[in-house]
Amino acid sequence: MSELSRLRWRCRRGMRELDAVMVYYLDHRYGEASAEDQAAFRQLIECQDPEILDFLTGRALPRGEALQRVVEVIRTGYRP
């Protein structure tokens, strides 16, 4: 299984809304992201759904500059 296929599978969440934003980032931003931001995205998809939701809604701030950057790109860059 390729790295992108594995990441796409990990983007499948329990909430359809999270699926949409995570896959959108993977399809439109991940490839052009820095290695540090790609690592932060891989870290993000290992988090539990409630924690990701808190990050994306601004109820919690992720730890680490790269993770904060990726969350902000996801929050502001999603275009359905």
C-alpha atoms as a PDB file:
ATOM      1  CA  MET A   1       0.000   0.000   0.000  1.00  0.00           C
ATOM      2  CA  SER A   2       1.421   3.382  -0.948  1.00  0.00           C
ATOM      3  CA  GLU A   3       2.018   6.114   1.610  1.00  0.00           C
ATOM      4  CA  LEU A   4      -0.817   8.254   0.206  1.00  0.00           C
ATOM      5  CA  SER A   5      -3.217   5.303   0.238  1.00  0.00           C
ATOM      6  CA  ARG A   6      -2.314   4.585   3.844  1.00  0.00           C
ATOM      7  CA  LEU A   7      -2.815   8.243   4.780  1.00  0.00           C
ATOM      8  CA  ARG A   8      -6.131   8.368   2.934  1.00  0.00           C
ATOM      9  CA  TRP A   9      -7.285   5.341   4.917  1.00  0.00           C
ATOM     10  CA  ARG A  10      -6.197   7.008   8.189  1.00  0.00           C
ATOM     11  CA  CYS A  11      -8.174  10.129   7.190  1.00  0.00           C
ATOM     12  CA  ARG A  12     -11.363   8.084   7.456  1.00  0.00           C
ATOM     13  CA  ARG A  13     -12.866   9.279  10.701  1.00  0.00           C
ATOM     14  CA  GLY A  14     -15.999   8.561  12.685  1.00  0.00           C
ATOM     15  CA  MET A  15     -17.438  11.898  11.598  1.00  0.00           C
ATOM     16  CA  ARG A  16     -18.145  12.609   7.944  1.00  0.00           C
ATOM     17  CA  GLU A  17     -17.200  16.271   8.416  1.00  0.00           C
ATOM     18  CA  LEU A  18     -13.745  15.312   9.651  1.00  0.00           C
ATOM     19  CA  ASP A  19     -13.363  12.880   6.751  1.00  0.00           C
ATOM     20  CA  ALA A  20     -14.051  15.698   4.319  1.00  0.00           C
ATOM     21  CA  VAL A  21     -11.580  18.217   5.718  1.00  0.00           C
ATOM     22  CA  MET A  22      -8.807  15.693   6.299  1.00  0.00           C
ATOM     23  CA  VAL A  23      -9.066  14.192   2.803  1.00  0.00           C
ATOM     24  CA  TYR A  24      -9.279  17.681   1.286  1.00  0.00           C
ATOM     25  CA  TYR A  25      -5.984  18.626   2.965  1.00  0.00           C
ATOM     26  CA  LEU A  26      -4.397  15.369   1.819  1.00  0.00           C
ATOM     27  CA  ASP A  27      -5.535  15.883  -1.783  1.00  0.00           C
ATOM     28  CA  HIS A  28      -4.848  19.617  -2.104  1.00  0.00           C
ATOM     29  CA  ARG A  29      -2.171  20.632   0.403  1.00  0.00           C
ATOM     30  CA  TYR A  30      -0.183  17.661   1.667  1.00  0.00           C
ATOM     31  CA  GLY A  31       1.944  17.198  -1.451  1.00  0.00           C
ATOM     32  CA  GLU A  32       3.190  20.778  -1.418  1.00  0.00           C
ATOM     33  CA  ALA A  33       3.647  20.954   2.358  1.00  0.00           C
ATOM     34  CA  SER A  34       7.105  20.948   3.933  1.00  0.00           C
ATOM     35  CA  ALA A  35       8.429  17.706   5.380  1.00  0.00           C
ATOM     36  CA  GLU A  36       7.811  19.148   8.858  1.00  0.00           C
ATOM     37  CA  ASP A  37       4.173  19.942   8.034  1.00  0.00           C
ATOM     38  CA  GLN A  38       3.664  16.533   6.436  1.00  0.00           C
ATOM     39  CA  ALA A  39       4.945  14.940   9.653  1.00  0.00           C
ATOM     40  CA  ALA A  40       2.577  17.174  11.653  1.00  0.00           C
ATOM     41  CA  PHE A  41      -0.364  16.050   9.493  1.00  0.00           C
ATOM     42  CA  ARG A  42       0.570  12.412  10.092  1.00  0.00           C
ATOM     43  CA  GLN A  43       0.653  13.223  13.813  1.00  0.00           C
ATOM     44  CA  LEU A  44      -2.748  14.912  13.570  1.00  0.00           C
ATOM     45  CA  ILE A  45      -4.447  11.920  11.969  1.00  0.00           C
ATOM     46  CA  GLU A  46      -3.274   9.758  14.867  1.00  0.00           C
ATOM     47  CA  CYS A  47      -5.311  11.906  17.293  1.00  0.00           C
ATOM     48  CA  GLN A  48      -8.789  10.951  18.433  1.00  0.00           C
ATOM     49  CA  ASP A  49     -11.779  12.532  16.655  1.00  0.00           C
ATOM     50  CA  PRO A  50     -12.885  14.704  19.610  1.00  0.00           C
ATOM     51  CA  GLU A  51      -9.372  16.129  19.908  1.00  0.00           C
ATOM     52  CA  ILE A  52      -9.176  16.892  16.167  1.00  0.00           C
ATOM     53  CA  LEU A  53     -12.598  18.498  16.304  1.00  0.00           C
ATOM     54  CA  ASP A  54     -11.478  20.683  19.219  1.00  0.00           C
ATOM     55  CA  PHE A  55      -8.413  21.776  17.246  1.00  0.00           C
ATOM     56  CA  LEU A  56     -10.413  22.569  14.125  1.00  0.00           C
ATOM     57  CA  THR A  57     -13.104  24.492  15.987  1.00  0.00           C
ATOM     58  CA  GLY A  58     -10.590  26.451  18.033  1.00  0.00           C
ATOM     59  CA  ARG A  59     -11.637  24.982  21.383  1.00  0.00           C
ATOM     60  CA  ALA A  60      -8.123  23.627  21.907  1.00  0.00           C
ATOM     61  CA  LEU A  61      -4.709  24.582  20.631  1.00  0.00           C
ATOM     62  CA  PRO A  62      -2.477  21.782  19.363  1.00  0.00           C
ATOM     63  CA  ARG A  63       1.005  21.491  20.809  1.00  0.00           C
ATOM     64  CA  GLY A  64       3.810  22.354  18.480  1.00  0.00           C
ATOM     65  CA  GLU A  65       4.259  25.013  15.874  1.00  0.00           C
ATOM     66  CA  ALA A  66       4.018  22.695  12.855  1.00  0.00           C
ATOM     67  CA  LEU A  67       0.840  21.061  14.129  1.00  0.00           C
ATOM     68  CA  GLN A  68      -0.693  24.478  14.770  1.00  0.00           C
ATOM     69  CA  ARG A  69       0.247  25.519  11.238  1.00  0.00           C
ATOM     70  CA  VAL A  70      -1.354  22.437   9.672  1.00  0.00           C
ATOM     71  CA  VAL A  71      -4.524  22.860  11.719  1.00  0.00           C
ATOM     72  CA  GLU A  72      -4.756  26.497  10.637  1.00  0.00           C
ATOM     73  CA  VAL A  73      -4.337  25.544   6.959  1.00  0.00           C
ATOM     74  CA  ILE A  74      -7.092  22.946   7.339  1.00  0.00           C
ATOM     75  CA  ARG A  75      -9.363  25.414   9.151  1.00  0.00           C
ATOM     76  CA  THR A  76      -8.950  28.187   6.595  1.00  0.00           C
ATOM     77  CA  GLY A  77      -8.328  26.233   3.418  1.00  0.00           C
ATOM     78  CA  TYR A  78     -11.234  23.811   3.161  1.00  0.00           C
ATOM     79  CA  ARG A  79     -13.396  24.492   0.107  1.00  0.00           C
ATOM     80  CA  PRO A  80     -16.229  21.969  -0.390  1.00  0.00           C
END
